Amino acid sequence: GLALIVAAVLFYKAYKLTLNHNRYIQQLLEENRRLRAEAEAWKA
């Protein structure tokens, strides 16, 4: 039972890290889109 609880806690922490990582990647992609649009405007 203790091993199952520890495994569940570790899986939960890994899940939270994955969600945070995905959110961070989405922010970077959005910033990349914004910067590319700004660069295109400056180029034009």
PDB file of all heavy atoms in Angstrom:
ATOM      1  N   GLY A   1       0.830  -1.210   0.000  1.00  0.00           N
ATOM      2  CA  GLY A   1       0.000   0.000   0.000  1.00  0.00           C
ATOM      3  C   GLY A   1       0.858   1.252   0.000  1.00  0.00           C
ATOM      4  O   GLY A   1       0.570   2.228  -0.707  1.00  0.00           O
ATOM      5  N   LEU A   2       1.933   1.252   0.791  1.00  0.00           N
ATOM      6  CA  LEU A   2       2.842   2.397   0.839  1.00  0.00           C
ATOM      7  C   LEU A   2       3.511   2.595  -0.517  1.00  0.00           C
ATOM      8  O   LEU A   2       3.644   3.730  -0.992  1.00  0.00           O
ATOM      9  CB  LEU A   2       3.891   2.183   1.945  1.00  0.00           C
ATOM     10  CG  LEU A   2       4.919   3.310   2.110  1.00  0.00           C
ATOM     11  CD1 LEU A   2       4.214   4.607   2.475  1.00  0.00           C
ATOM     12  CD2 LEU A   2       5.931   2.935   3.166  1.00  0.00           C
ATOM     13  N   ALA A   3       3.912   1.515  -1.165  1.00  0.00           N
ATOM     14  CA  ALA A   3       4.537   1.595  -2.480  1.00  0.00           C
ATOM     15  C   ALA A   3       3.557   2.171  -3.498  1.00  0.00           C
ATOM     16  O   ALA A   3       3.932   2.997  -4.352  1.00  0.00           O
ATOM     17  CB  ALA A   3       5.031   0.222  -2.919  1.00  0.00           C
ATOM     18  N   LEU A   4       2.299   1.800  -3.416  1.00  0.00           N
ATOM     19  CA  LEU A   4       1.286   2.334  -4.333  1.00  0.00           C
ATOM     20  C   LEU A   4       1.056   3.828  -4.098  1.00  0.00           C
ATOM     21  O   LEU A   4       0.895   4.603  -5.044  1.00  0.00           O
ATOM     22  CB  LEU A   4      -0.024   1.564  -4.190  1.00  0.00           C
ATOM     23  CG  LEU A   4      -0.024   0.129  -4.750  1.00  0.00           C
ATOM     24  CD1 LEU A   4      -1.336  -0.560  -4.407  1.00  0.00           C
ATOM     25  CD2 LEU A   4       0.203   0.149  -6.240  1.00  0.00           C
ATOM     26  N   ILE A   5       1.045   4.228  -2.842  1.00  0.00           N
ATOM     27  CA  ILE A   5       0.863   5.652  -2.513  1.00  0.00           C
ATOM     28  C   ILE A   5       2.037   6.463  -3.040  1.00  0.00           C
ATOM     29  O   ILE A   5       1.867   7.529  -3.648  1.00  0.00           O
ATOM     30  CB  ILE A   5       0.678   5.838  -0.998  1.00  0.00           C
ATOM     31  CG1 ILE A   5      -0.667   5.250  -0.568  1.00  0.00           C
ATOM     32  CG2 ILE A   5       0.766   7.313  -0.629  1.00  0.00           C
ATOM     33  CD1 ILE A   5      -0.870   5.220   0.924  1.00  0.00           C
ATOM     34  N   VAL A   6       3.263   5.984  -2.822  1.00  0.00           N
ATOM     35  CA  VAL A   6       4.464   6.681  -3.295  1.00  0.00           C
ATOM     36  C   VAL A   6       4.447   6.769  -4.823  1.00  0.00           C
ATOM     37  O   VAL A   6       4.735   7.815  -5.412  1.00  0.00           O
ATOM     38  CB  VAL A   6       5.749   5.989  -2.784  1.00  0.00           C
ATOM     39  CG1 VAL A   6       6.979   6.528  -3.477  1.00  0.00           C
ATOM     40  CG2 VAL A   6       5.863   6.149  -1.278  1.00  0.00           C
ATOM     41  N   ALA A   7       4.072   5.668  -5.485  1.00  0.00           N
ATOM     42  CA  ALA A   7       4.005   5.662  -6.947  1.00  0.00           C
ATOM     43  C   ALA A   7       2.954   6.652  -7.442  1.00  0.00           C
ATOM     44  O   ALA A   7       3.196   7.390  -8.411  1.00  0.00           O
ATOM     45  CB  ALA A   7       3.695   4.250  -7.443  1.00  0.00           C
ATOM     46  N   ALA A   8       1.812   6.708  -6.772  1.00  0.00           N
ATOM     47  CA  ALA A   8       0.759   7.638  -7.175  1.00  0.00           C
ATOM     48  C   ALA A   8       1.223   9.080  -7.011  1.00  0.00           C
ATOM     49  O   ALA A   8       0.972   9.930  -7.873  1.00  0.00           O
ATOM     50  CB  ALA A   8      -0.500   7.388  -6.358  1.00  0.00           C
ATOM     51  N   VAL A   9       1.907   9.380  -5.911  1.00  0.00           N
ATOM     52  CA  VAL A   9       2.418  10.729  -5.685  1.00  0.00           C
ATOM     53  C   VAL A   9       3.449  11.090  -6.755  1.00  0.00           C
ATOM     54  O   VAL A   9       3.440  12.199  -7.303  1.00  0.00           O
ATOM     55  CB  VAL A   9       3.009  10.856  -4.257  1.00  0.00           C
ATOM     56  CG1 VAL A   9       3.792  12.151  -4.110  1.00  0.00           C
ATOM     57  CG2 VAL A   9       1.904  10.773  -3.223  1.00  0.00           C
ATOM     58  N   LEU A  10       4.342  10.169  -7.081  1.00  0.00           N
ATOM     59  CA  LEU A  10       5.354  10.438  -8.103  1.00  0.00           C
ATOM     60  C   LEU A  10       4.718  10.638  -9.477  1.00  0.00           C
ATOM     61  O   LEU A  10       5.125  11.525 -10.234  1.00  0.00           O
ATOM     62  CB  LEU A  10       6.373   9.297  -8.145  1.00  0.00           C
ATOM     63  CG  LEU A  10       7.304   9.208  -6.930  1.00  0.00           C
ATOM     64  CD1 LEU A  10       8.214   7.989  -7.047  1.00  0.00           C
ATOM     65  CD2 LEU A  10       8.131  10.463  -6.774  1.00  0.00           C
ATOM     66  N   PHE A  11       3.712   9.830  -9.803  1.00  0.00           N
ATOM     67  CA  PHE A  11       3.018  10.019 -11.078  1.00  0.00           C
ATOM     68  C   PHE A  11       2.302  11.364 -11.123  1.00  0.00           C
ATOM     69  O   PHE A  11       2.286  12.032 -12.153  1.00  0.00           O
ATOM     70  CB  PHE A  11       2.019   8.882 -11.324  1.00  0.00           C
ATOM     71  CG  PHE A  11       2.641   7.636 -11.874  1.00  0.00           C
ATOM     72  CD1 PHE A  11       2.408   6.413 -11.261  1.00  0.00           C
ATOM     73  CD2 PHE A  11       3.459   7.668 -12.990  1.00  0.00           C
ATOM     74  CE1 PHE A  11       2.980   5.255 -11.766  1.00  0.00           C
ATOM     75  CE2 PHE A  11       4.029   6.518 -13.503  1.00  0.00           C
ATOM     76  CZ  PHE A  11       3.792   5.310 -12.887  1.00  0.00           C
ATOM     77  N   TYR A  12       1.703  11.766 -10.003  1.00  0.00           N
ATOM     78  CA  TYR A  12       1.023  13.059  -9.941  1.00  0.00           C
ATOM     79  C   TYR A  12       2.006  14.202 -10.149  1.00  0.00           C
ATOM     80  O   TYR A  12       1.731  15.146 -10.900  1.00  0.00           O
ATOM     81  CB  TYR A  12       0.291  13.209  -8.607  1.00  0.00           C
ATOM     82  CG  TYR A  12      -0.382  14.543  -8.442  1.00  0.00           C
ATOM     83  CD1 TYR A  12      -1.518  14.851  -9.181  1.00  0.00           C
ATOM     84  CD2 TYR A  12       0.125  15.496  -7.570  1.00  0.00           C
ATOM     85  CE1 TYR A  12      -2.141  16.079  -9.046  1.00  0.00           C
ATOM     86  CE2 TYR A  12      -0.478  16.722  -7.429  1.00  0.00           C
ATOM     87  CZ  TYR A  12      -1.621  17.022  -8.177  1.00  0.00           C
ATOM     88  OH  TYR A  12      -2.218  18.236  -8.045  1.00  0.00           O
ATOM     89  N   LYS A  13       3.189  14.121  -9.498  1.00  0.00           N
ATOM     90  CA  LYS A  13       4.199  15.167  -9.666  1.00  0.00           C
ATOM     91  C   LYS A  13       4.695  15.213 -11.112  1.00  0.00           C
ATOM     92  O   LYS A  13       4.895  16.292 -11.677  1.00  0.00           O
ATOM     93  CB  LYS A  13       5.369  14.936  -8.711  1.00  0.00           C
ATOM     94  CG  LYS A  13       5.055  15.312  -7.290  1.00  0.00           C
ATOM     95  CD  LYS A  13       6.280  15.199  -6.415  1.00  0.00           C
ATOM     96  CE  LYS A  13       5.958  15.636  -4.994  1.00  0.00           C
ATOM     97  NZ  LYS A  13       7.154  15.657  -4.157  1.00  0.00           N
ATOM     98  N   ALA A  14       4.885  14.047 -11.717  1.00  0.00           N
ATOM     99  CA  ALA A  14       5.314  14.003 -13.118  1.00  0.00           C
ATOM    100  C   ALA A  14       4.238  14.613 -14.017  1.00  0.00           C
ATOM    101  O   ALA A  14       4.549  15.347 -14.963  1.00  0.00           O
ATOM    102  CB  ALA A  14       5.609  12.564 -13.528  1.00  0.00           C
ATOM    103  N   TYR A  15       2.974  14.346 -13.719  1.00  0.00           N
ATOM    104  CA  TYR A  15       1.866  14.911 -14.483  1.00  0.00           C
ATOM    105  C   TYR A  15       1.849  16.436 -14.380  1.00  0.00           C
ATOM    106  O   TYR A  15       1.685  17.140 -15.381  1.00  0.00           O
ATOM    107  CB  TYR A  15       0.552  14.307 -13.996  1.00  0.00           C
ATOM    108  CG  TYR A  15      -0.678  14.904 -14.622  1.00  0.00           C
ATOM    109  CD1 TYR A  15      -1.004  14.630 -15.941  1.00  0.00           C
ATOM    110  CD2 TYR A  15      -1.504  15.745 -13.881  1.00  0.00           C
ATOM    111  CE1 TYR A  15      -2.137  15.179 -16.514  1.00  0.00           C
ATOM    112  CE2 TYR A  15      -2.634  16.296 -14.450  1.00  0.00           C
ATOM    113  CZ  TYR A  15      -2.946  16.020 -15.769  1.00  0.00           C
ATOM    114  OH  TYR A  15      -4.057  16.564 -16.339  1.00  0.00           O
ATOM    115  N   LYS A  16       2.024  16.963 -13.165  1.00  0.00           N
ATOM    116  CA  LYS A  16       2.048  18.411 -12.968  1.00  0.00           C
ATOM    117  C   LYS A  16       3.214  19.046 -13.717  1.00  0.00           C
ATOM    118  O   LYS A  16       3.070  20.106 -14.324  1.00  0.00           O
ATOM    119  CB  LYS A  16       2.139  18.748 -11.480  1.00  0.00           C
ATOM    120  CG  LYS A  16       0.804  18.661 -10.760  1.00  0.00           C
ATOM    121  CD  LYS A  16       0.882  19.002  -9.285  1.00  0.00           C
ATOM    122  CE  LYS A  16       1.605  20.272  -9.006  1.00  0.00           C
ATOM    123  NZ  LYS A  16       1.622  20.616  -7.569  1.00  0.00           N
ATOM    124  N   LEU A  17       4.388  18.401 -13.685  1.00  0.00           N
ATOM    125  CA  LEU A  17       5.540  18.927 -14.413  1.00  0.00           C
ATOM    126  C   LEU A  17       5.285  18.940 -15.910  1.00  0.00           C
ATOM    127  O   LEU A  17       5.666  19.887 -16.608  1.00  0.00           O
ATOM    128  CB  LEU A  17       6.792  18.105 -14.087  1.00  0.00           C
ATOM    129  CG  LEU A  17       7.395  18.325 -12.698  1.00  0.00           C
ATOM    130  CD1 LEU A  17       8.549  17.357 -12.463  1.00  0.00           C
ATOM    131  CD2 LEU A  17       7.874  19.751 -12.544  1.00  0.00           C
ATOM    132  N   THR A  18       4.619  17.909 -16.401  1.00  0.00           N
ATOM    133  CA  THR A  18       4.283  17.863 -17.828  1.00  0.00           C
ATOM    134  C   THR A  18       3.332  18.991 -18.194  1.00  0.00           C
ATOM    135  O   THR A  18       3.500  19.643 -19.229  1.00  0.00           O
ATOM    136  CB  THR A  18       3.649  16.505 -18.177  1.00  0.00           C
ATOM    137  OG1 THR A  18       4.559  15.466 -17.815  1.00  0.00           O
ATOM    138  CG2 THR A  18       3.339  16.389 -19.650  1.00  0.00           C
ATOM    139  N   LEU A  19       2.331  19.244 -17.357  1.00  0.00           N
ATOM    140  CA  LEU A  19       1.400  20.342 -17.625  1.00  0.00           C
ATOM    141  C   LEU A  19       2.112  21.684 -17.625  1.00  0.00           C
ATOM    142  O   LEU A  19       1.875  22.521 -18.497  1.00  0.00           O
ATOM    143  CB  LEU A  19       0.278  20.355 -16.590  1.00  0.00           C
ATOM    144  CG  LEU A  19      -0.762  19.248 -16.696  1.00  0.00           C
ATOM    145  CD1 LEU A  19      -1.792  19.398 -15.581  1.00  0.00           C
ATOM    146  CD2 LEU A  19      -1.444  19.277 -18.045  1.00  0.00           C
ATOM    147  N   ASN A  20       2.982  21.901 -16.640  1.00  0.00           N
ATOM    148  CA  ASN A  20       3.738  23.155 -16.587  1.00  0.00           C
ATOM    149  C   ASN A  20       4.642  23.300 -17.803  1.00  0.00           C
ATOM    150  O   ASN A  20       4.769  24.395 -18.367  1.00  0.00           O
ATOM    151  CB  ASN A  20       4.560  23.230 -15.300  1.00  0.00           C
ATOM    152  CG  ASN A  20       3.704  23.468 -14.087  1.00  0.00           C
ATOM    153  OD1 ASN A  20       2.578  23.954 -14.203  1.00  0.00           O
ATOM    154  ND2 ASN A  20       4.215  23.124 -12.920  1.00  0.00           N
ATOM    155  N   HIS A  21       5.266  22.198 -18.207  1.00  0.00           N
ATOM    156  CA  HIS A  21       6.141  22.233 -19.370  1.00  0.00           C
ATOM    157  C   HIS A  21       5.344  22.564 -20.634  1.00  0.00           C
ATOM    158  O   HIS A  21       5.773  23.386 -21.455  1.00  0.00           O
ATOM    159  CB  HIS A  21       6.856  20.884 -19.529  1.00  0.00           C
ATOM    160  CG  HIS A  21       7.806  20.848 -20.669  1.00  0.00           C
ATOM    161  ND1 HIS A  21       7.462  20.357 -21.889  1.00  0.00           N
ATOM    162  CD2 HIS A  21       9.098  21.261 -20.771  1.00  0.00           C
ATOM    163  CE1 HIS A  21       8.487  20.463 -22.699  1.00  0.00           C
ATOM    164  NE2 HIS A  21       9.496  21.002 -22.050  1.00  0.00           N
ATOM    165  N   ASN A  22       4.181  21.954 -20.785  1.00  0.00           N
ATOM    166  CA  ASN A  22       3.340  22.232 -21.949  1.00  0.00           C
ATOM    167  C   ASN A  22       2.887  23.687 -21.977  1.00  0.00           C
ATOM    168  O   ASN A  22       2.855  24.320 -23.031  1.00  0.00           O
ATOM    169  CB  ASN A  22       2.132  21.304 -21.980  1.00  0.00           C
ATOM    170  CG  ASN A  22       2.513  19.884 -22.317  1.00  0.00           C
ATOM    171  OD1 ASN A  22       3.587  19.625 -22.847  1.00  0.00           O
ATOM    172  ND2 ASN A  22       1.630  18.944 -21.994  1.00  0.00           N
ATOM    173  N   ARG A  23       2.536  24.220 -20.821  1.00  0.00           N
ATOM    174  CA  ARG A  23       2.128  25.620 -20.727  1.00  0.00           C
ATOM    175  C   ARG A  23       3.295  26.536 -21.114  1.00  0.00           C
ATOM    176  O   ARG A  23       3.118  27.513 -21.846  1.00  0.00           O
ATOM    177  CB  ARG A  23       1.661  25.923 -19.309  1.00  0.00           C
ATOM    178  CG  ARG A  23       0.941  27.247 -19.195  1.00  0.00           C
ATOM    179  CD  ARG A  23       0.357  27.488 -17.805  1.00  0.00           C
ATOM    180  NE  ARG A  23      -0.325  26.307 -17.293  1.00  0.00           N
ATOM    181  CZ  ARG A  23      -0.079  25.776 -16.092  1.00  0.00           C
ATOM    182  NH1 ARG A  23       0.803  26.314 -15.294  1.00  0.00           N
ATOM    183  NH2 ARG A  23      -0.733  24.700 -15.684  1.00  0.00           N
ATOM    184  N   TYR A  24       4.489  26.206 -20.647  1.00  0.00           N
ATOM    185  CA  TYR A  24       5.680  26.990 -20.970  1.00  0.00           C
ATOM    186  C   TYR A  24       5.967  26.937 -22.475  1.00  0.00           C
ATOM    187  O   TYR A  24       6.279  27.960 -23.088  1.00  0.00           O
ATOM    188  CB  TYR A  24       6.872  26.456 -20.172  1.00  0.00           C
ATOM    189  CG  TYR A  24       8.174  27.165 -20.443  1.00  0.00           C
ATOM    190  CD1 TYR A  24       8.363  28.486 -20.051  1.00  0.00           C
ATOM    191  CD2 TYR A  24       9.214  26.512 -21.093  1.00  0.00           C
ATOM    192  CE1 TYR A  24       9.548  29.135 -20.307  1.00  0.00           C
ATOM    193  CE2 TYR A  24      10.406  27.149 -21.347  1.00  0.00           C
ATOM    194  CZ  TYR A  24      10.576  28.460 -20.952  1.00  0.00           C
ATOM    195  OH  TYR A  24      11.762  29.100 -21.203  1.00  0.00           O
ATOM    196  N   ILE A  25       5.835  25.763 -23.068  1.00  0.00           N
ATOM    197  CA  ILE A  25       6.063  25.616 -24.507  1.00  0.00           C
ATOM    198  C   ILE A  25       5.044  26.449 -25.289  1.00  0.00           C
ATOM    199  O   ILE A  25       5.395  27.115 -26.270  1.00  0.00           O
ATOM    200  CB  ILE A  25       5.985  24.126 -24.928  1.00  0.00           C
ATOM    201  CG1 ILE A  25       7.134  23.336 -24.318  1.00  0.00           C
ATOM    202  CG2 ILE A  25       5.966  23.965 -26.439  1.00  0.00           C
ATOM    203  CD1 ILE A  25       8.500  23.746 -24.799  1.00  0.00           C
ATOM    204  N   GLN A  26       3.791  26.449 -24.852  1.00  0.00           N
ATOM    205  CA  GLN A  26       2.766  27.249 -25.524  1.00  0.00           C
ATOM    206  C   GLN A  26       3.088  28.739 -25.437  1.00  0.00           C
ATOM    207  O   GLN A  26       2.896  29.481 -26.405  1.00  0.00           O
ATOM    208  CB  GLN A  26       1.382  26.967 -24.931  1.00  0.00           C
ATOM    209  CG  GLN A  26       0.838  25.598 -25.281  1.00  0.00           C
ATOM    210  CD  GLN A  26       0.709  25.397 -26.768  1.00  0.00           C
ATOM    211  OE1 GLN A  26       0.303  26.286 -27.500  1.00  0.00           O
ATOM    212  NE2 GLN A  26       1.081  24.204 -27.218  1.00  0.00           N
ATOM    213  N   GLN A  27       3.575  29.195 -24.296  1.00  0.00           N
ATOM    214  CA  GLN A  27       3.968  30.598 -24.147  1.00  0.00           C
ATOM    215  C   GLN A  27       5.111  30.937 -25.092  1.00  0.00           C
ATOM    216  O   GLN A  27       5.112  31.999 -25.723  1.00  0.00           O
ATOM    217  CB  GLN A  27       4.371  30.891 -22.700  1.00  0.00           C
ATOM    218  CG  GLN A  27       3.227  30.906 -21.726  1.00  0.00           C
ATOM    219  CD  GLN A  27       3.716  31.028 -20.282  1.00  0.00           C
ATOM    220  OE1 GLN A  27       4.897  30.893 -19.998  1.00  0.00           O
ATOM    221  NE2 GLN A  27       2.779  31.255 -19.379  1.00  0.00           N
ATOM    222  N   LEU A  28       6.079  30.037 -25.193  1.00  0.00           N
ATOM    223  CA  LEU A  28       7.205  30.277 -26.096  1.00  0.00           C
ATOM    224  C   LEU A  28       6.752  30.309 -27.553  1.00  0.00           C
ATOM    225  O   LEU A  28       7.218  31.149 -28.338  1.00  0.00           O
ATOM    226  CB  LEU A  28       8.281  29.202 -25.913  1.00  0.00           C
ATOM    227  CG  LEU A  28       9.080  29.258 -24.621  1.00  0.00           C
ATOM    228  CD1 LEU A  28      10.051  28.090 -24.563  1.00  0.00           C
ATOM    229  CD2 LEU A  28       9.843  30.562 -24.512  1.00  0.00           C
ATOM    230  N   LEU A  29       5.857  29.426 -27.922  1.00  0.00           N
ATOM    231  CA  LEU A  29       5.344  29.421 -29.289  1.00  0.00           C
ATOM    232  C   LEU A  29       4.573  30.705 -29.602  1.00  0.00           C
ATOM    233  O   LEU A  29       4.704  31.271 -30.697  1.00  0.00           O
ATOM    234  CB  LEU A  29       4.452  28.195 -29.516  1.00  0.00           C
ATOM    235  CG  LEU A  29       5.172  26.851 -29.559  1.00  0.00           C
ATOM    236  CD1 LEU A  29       4.157  25.707 -29.623  1.00  0.00           C
ATOM    237  CD2 LEU A  29       6.113  26.788 -30.743  1.00  0.00           C
ATOM    238  N   GLU A  30       3.783  31.169 -28.649  1.00  0.00           N
ATOM    239  CA  GLU A  30       3.034  32.420 -28.842  1.00  0.00           C
ATOM    240  C   GLU A  30       3.990  33.606 -28.982  1.00  0.00           C
ATOM    241  O   GLU A  30       3.807  34.470 -29.845  1.00  0.00           O
ATOM    242  CB  GLU A  30       2.072  32.640 -27.673  1.00  0.00           C
ATOM    243  CG  GLU A  30       1.192  33.848 -27.833  1.00  0.00           C
ATOM    244  CD  GLU A  30       0.309  33.773 -29.057  1.00  0.00           C
ATOM    245  OE1 GLU A  30      -0.147  32.676 -29.406  1.00  0.00           O
ATOM    246  OE2 GLU A  30       0.095  34.835 -29.676  1.00  0.00           O
ATOM    247  N   GLU A  31       5.015  33.647 -28.143  1.00  0.00           N
ATOM    248  CA  GLU A  31       6.004  34.725 -28.240  1.00  0.00           C
ATOM    249  C   GLU A  31       6.745  34.642 -29.576  1.00  0.00           C
ATOM    250  O   GLU A  31       7.016  35.664 -30.209  1.00  0.00           O
ATOM    251  CB  GLU A  31       6.997  34.630 -27.083  1.00  0.00           C
ATOM    252  CG  GLU A  31       8.000  35.757 -27.080  1.00  0.00           C
ATOM    253  CD  GLU A  31       8.976  35.674 -25.923  1.00  0.00           C
ATOM    254  OE1 GLU A  31       9.000  34.648 -25.210  1.00  0.00           O
ATOM    255  OE2 GLU A  31       9.734  36.643 -25.744  1.00  0.00           O
ATOM    256  N   ASN A  32       7.031  33.437 -30.025  1.00  0.00           N
ATOM    257  CA  ASN A  32       7.697  33.246 -31.304  1.00  0.00           C
ATOM    258  C   ASN A  32       6.830  33.772 -32.442  1.00  0.00           C
ATOM    259  O   ASN A  32       7.324  34.472 -33.330  1.00  0.00           O
ATOM    260  CB  ASN A  32       8.012  31.764 -31.501  1.00  0.00           C
ATOM    261  CG  ASN A  32       8.867  31.515 -32.708  1.00  0.00           C
ATOM    262  OD1 ASN A  32       9.399  32.435 -33.308  1.00  0.00           O
ATOM    263  ND2 ASN A  32       8.998  30.263 -33.080  1.00  0.00           N
ATOM    264  N   ARG A  33       5.531  33.466 -32.409  1.00  0.00           N
ATOM    265  CA  ARG A  33       4.608  33.976 -33.433  1.00  0.00           C
ATOM    266  C   ARG A  33       4.573  35.505 -33.429  1.00  0.00           C
ATOM    267  O   ARG A  33       4.602  36.139 -34.482  1.00  0.00           O
ATOM    268  CB  ARG A  33       3.202  33.431 -33.206  1.00  0.00           C
ATOM    269  CG  ARG A  33       2.984  32.063 -33.764  1.00  0.00           C
ATOM    270  CD  ARG A  33       1.507  31.644 -33.670  1.00  0.00           C
ATOM    271  NE  ARG A  33       1.497  30.296 -33.145  1.00  0.00           N
ATOM    272  CZ  ARG A  33       1.117  29.933 -31.940  1.00  0.00           C
ATOM    273  NH1 ARG A  33       0.636  30.819 -31.114  1.00  0.00           N
ATOM    274  NH2 ARG A  33       1.177  28.690 -31.551  1.00  0.00           N
ATOM    275  N   ARG A  34       4.506  36.063 -32.225  1.00  0.00           N
ATOM    276  CA  ARG A  34       4.452  37.521 -32.111  1.00  0.00           C
ATOM    277  C   ARG A  34       5.726  38.166 -32.655  1.00  0.00           C
ATOM    278  O   ARG A  34       5.681  39.144 -33.414  1.00  0.00           O
ATOM    279  CB  ARG A  34       4.249  37.917 -30.646  1.00  0.00           C
ATOM    280  CG  ARG A  34       4.083  39.409 -30.412  1.00  0.00           C
ATOM    281  CD  ARG A  34       3.951  39.728 -28.927  1.00  0.00           C
ATOM    282  NE  ARG A  34       5.041  39.231 -28.121  1.00  0.00           N
ATOM    283  CZ  ARG A  34       6.249  39.819 -28.018  1.00  0.00           C
ATOM    284  NH1 ARG A  34       6.498  40.911 -28.686  1.00  0.00           N
ATOM    285  NH2 ARG A  34       7.182  39.307 -27.237  1.00  0.00           N
ATOM    286  N   LEU A  35       6.884  37.599 -32.304  1.00  0.00           N
ATOM    287  CA  LEU A  35       8.151  38.156 -32.764  1.00  0.00           C
ATOM    288  C   LEU A  35       8.329  37.994 -34.269  1.00  0.00           C
ATOM    289  O   LEU A  35       8.876  38.879 -34.936  1.00  0.00           O
ATOM    290  CB  LEU A  35       9.315  37.511 -32.006  1.00  0.00           C
ATOM    291  CG  LEU A  35       9.418  37.890 -30.533  1.00  0.00           C
ATOM    292  CD1 LEU A  35      10.513  37.076 -29.858  1.00  0.00           C
ATOM    293  CD2 LEU A  35       9.675  39.376 -30.362  1.00  0.00           C
ATOM    294  N   ARG A  36       7.860  36.877 -34.815  1.00  0.00           N
ATOM    295  CA  ARG A  36       7.947  36.692 -36.267  1.00  0.00           C
ATOM    296  C   ARG A  36       7.071  37.715 -36.992  1.00  0.00           C
ATOM    297  O   ARG A  36       7.468  38.271 -38.017  1.00  0.00           O
ATOM    298  CB  ARG A  36       7.521  35.288 -36.660  1.00  0.00           C
ATOM    299  CG  ARG A  36       8.579  34.254 -36.410  1.00  0.00           C
ATOM    300  CD  ARG A  36       8.118  32.878 -36.896  1.00  0.00           C
ATOM    301  NE  ARG A  36       9.063  31.864 -36.528  1.00  0.00           N
ATOM    302  CZ  ARG A  36      10.091  31.493 -37.268  1.00  0.00           C
ATOM    303  NH1 ARG A  36      10.289  32.073 -38.423  1.00  0.00           N
ATOM    304  NH2 ARG A  36      10.909  30.551 -36.866  1.00  0.00           N
ATOM    305  N   ALA A  37       5.880  37.971 -36.464  1.00  0.00           N
ATOM    306  CA  ALA A  37       5.001  38.972 -37.076  1.00  0.00           C
ATOM    307  C   ALA A  37       5.639  40.354 -36.999  1.00  0.00           C
ATOM    308  O   ALA A  37       5.584  41.133 -37.965  1.00  0.00           O
ATOM    309  CB  ALA A  37       3.641  38.968 -36.381  1.00  0.00           C
ATOM    310  N   GLU A  38       6.248  40.665 -35.865  1.00  0.00           N
ATOM    311  CA  GLU A  38       6.916  41.954 -35.713  1.00  0.00           C
ATOM    312  C   GLU A  38       8.098  42.064 -36.677  1.00  0.00           C
ATOM    313  O   GLU A  38       8.308  43.114 -37.293  1.00  0.00           O
ATOM    314  CB  GLU A  38       7.395  42.107 -34.270  1.00  0.00           C
ATOM    315  CG  GLU A  38       7.943  43.469 -33.950  1.00  0.00           C
ATOM    316  CD  GLU A  38       8.329  43.598 -32.488  1.00  0.00           C
ATOM    317  OE1 GLU A  38       7.812  42.847 -31.650  1.00  0.00           O
ATOM    318  OE2 GLU A  38       9.168  44.465 -32.193  1.00  0.00           O
ATOM    319  N   ALA A  39       8.852  40.991 -36.832  1.00  0.00           N
ATOM    320  CA  ALA A  39       9.984  40.995 -37.754  1.00  0.00           C
ATOM    321  C   ALA A  39       9.513  41.175 -39.195  1.00  0.00           C
ATOM    322  O   ALA A  39      10.134  41.902 -39.977  1.00  0.00           O
ATOM    323  CB  ALA A  39      10.792  39.704 -37.617  1.00  0.00           C
ATOM    324  N   GLU A  40       8.408  40.540 -39.554  1.00  0.00           N
ATOM    325  CA  GLU A  40       7.856  40.711 -40.906  1.00  0.00           C
ATOM    326  C   GLU A  40       7.411  42.157 -41.128  1.00  0.00           C
ATOM    327  O   GLU A  40       7.591  42.705 -42.211  1.00  0.00           O
ATOM    328  CB  GLU A  40       6.689  39.756 -41.134  1.00  0.00           C
ATOM    329  CG  GLU A  40       7.108  38.328 -41.355  1.00  0.00           C
ATOM    330  CD  GLU A  40       7.937  38.145 -42.609  1.00  0.00           C
ATOM    331  OE1 GLU A  40       7.641  38.780 -43.643  1.00  0.00           O
ATOM    332  OE2 GLU A  40       8.911  37.371 -42.554  1.00  0.00           O
ATOM    333  N   ALA A  41       6.817  42.768 -40.099  1.00  0.00           N
ATOM    334  CA  ALA A  41       6.389  44.159 -40.222  1.00  0.00           C
ATOM    335  C   ALA A  41       7.597  45.072 -40.424  1.00  0.00           C
ATOM    336  O   ALA A  41       7.575  45.971 -41.282  1.00  0.00           O
ATOM    337  CB  ALA A  41       5.605  44.579 -38.983  1.00  0.00           C
ATOM    338  N   TRP A  42       8.644  44.848 -39.662  1.00  0.00           N
ATOM    339  CA  TRP A  42       9.865  45.651 -39.820  1.00  0.00           C
ATOM    340  C   TRP A  42      10.489  45.416 -41.196  1.00  0.00           C
ATOM    341  O   TRP A  42      10.984  46.352 -41.833  1.00  0.00           O
ATOM    342  CB  TRP A  42      10.875  45.331 -38.721  1.00  0.00           C
ATOM    343  CG  TRP A  42      10.584  46.037 -37.441  1.00  0.00           C
ATOM    344  CD1 TRP A  42      10.029  45.509 -36.320  1.00  0.00           C
ATOM    345  CD2 TRP A  42      10.816  47.419 -37.146  1.00  0.00           C
ATOM    346  NE1 TRP A  42       9.904  46.466 -35.355  1.00  0.00           N
ATOM    347  CE2 TRP A  42      10.378  47.646 -35.824  1.00  0.00           C
ATOM    348  CE3 TRP A  42      11.346  48.479 -37.870  1.00  0.00           C
ATOM    349  CZ2 TRP A  42      10.470  48.897 -35.226  1.00  0.00           C
ATOM    350  CZ3 TRP A  42      11.433  49.717 -37.264  1.00  0.00           C
ATOM    351  CH2 TRP A  42      10.988  49.922 -35.968  1.00  0.00           C
ATOM    352  N   LYS A  43      10.466  44.183 -41.667  1.00  0.00           N
ATOM    353  CA  LYS A  43      11.027  43.859 -42.975  1.00  0.00           C
ATOM    354  C   LYS A  43      10.256  44.586 -44.069  1.00  0.00           C
ATOM    355  O   LYS A  43      10.848  45.170 -44.978  1.00  0.00           O
ATOM    356  CB  LYS A  43      10.992  42.352 -43.197  1.00  0.00           C
ATOM    357  CG  LYS A  43      11.593  41.924 -44.500  1.00  0.00           C
ATOM    358  CD  LYS A  43      11.541  40.410 -44.632  1.00  0.00           C
ATOM    359  CE  LYS A  43      12.089  39.958 -45.968  1.00  0.00           C
ATOM    360  NZ  LYS A  43      11.988  38.516 -46.151  1.00  0.00           N
ATOM    361  N   ALA A  44       8.919  44.541 -43.981  1.00  0.00           N
ATOM    362  CA  ALA A  44       8.096  45.223 -44.973  1.00  0.00           C
ATOM    363  C   ALA A  44       8.346  46.734 -44.937  1.00  0.00           C
ATOM    364  O   ALA A  44       8.435  47.385 -45.984  1.00  0.00           O
ATOM    365  CB  ALA A  44       6.623  44.927 -44.725  1.00  0.00           C
TER     366      ALA A  44
END
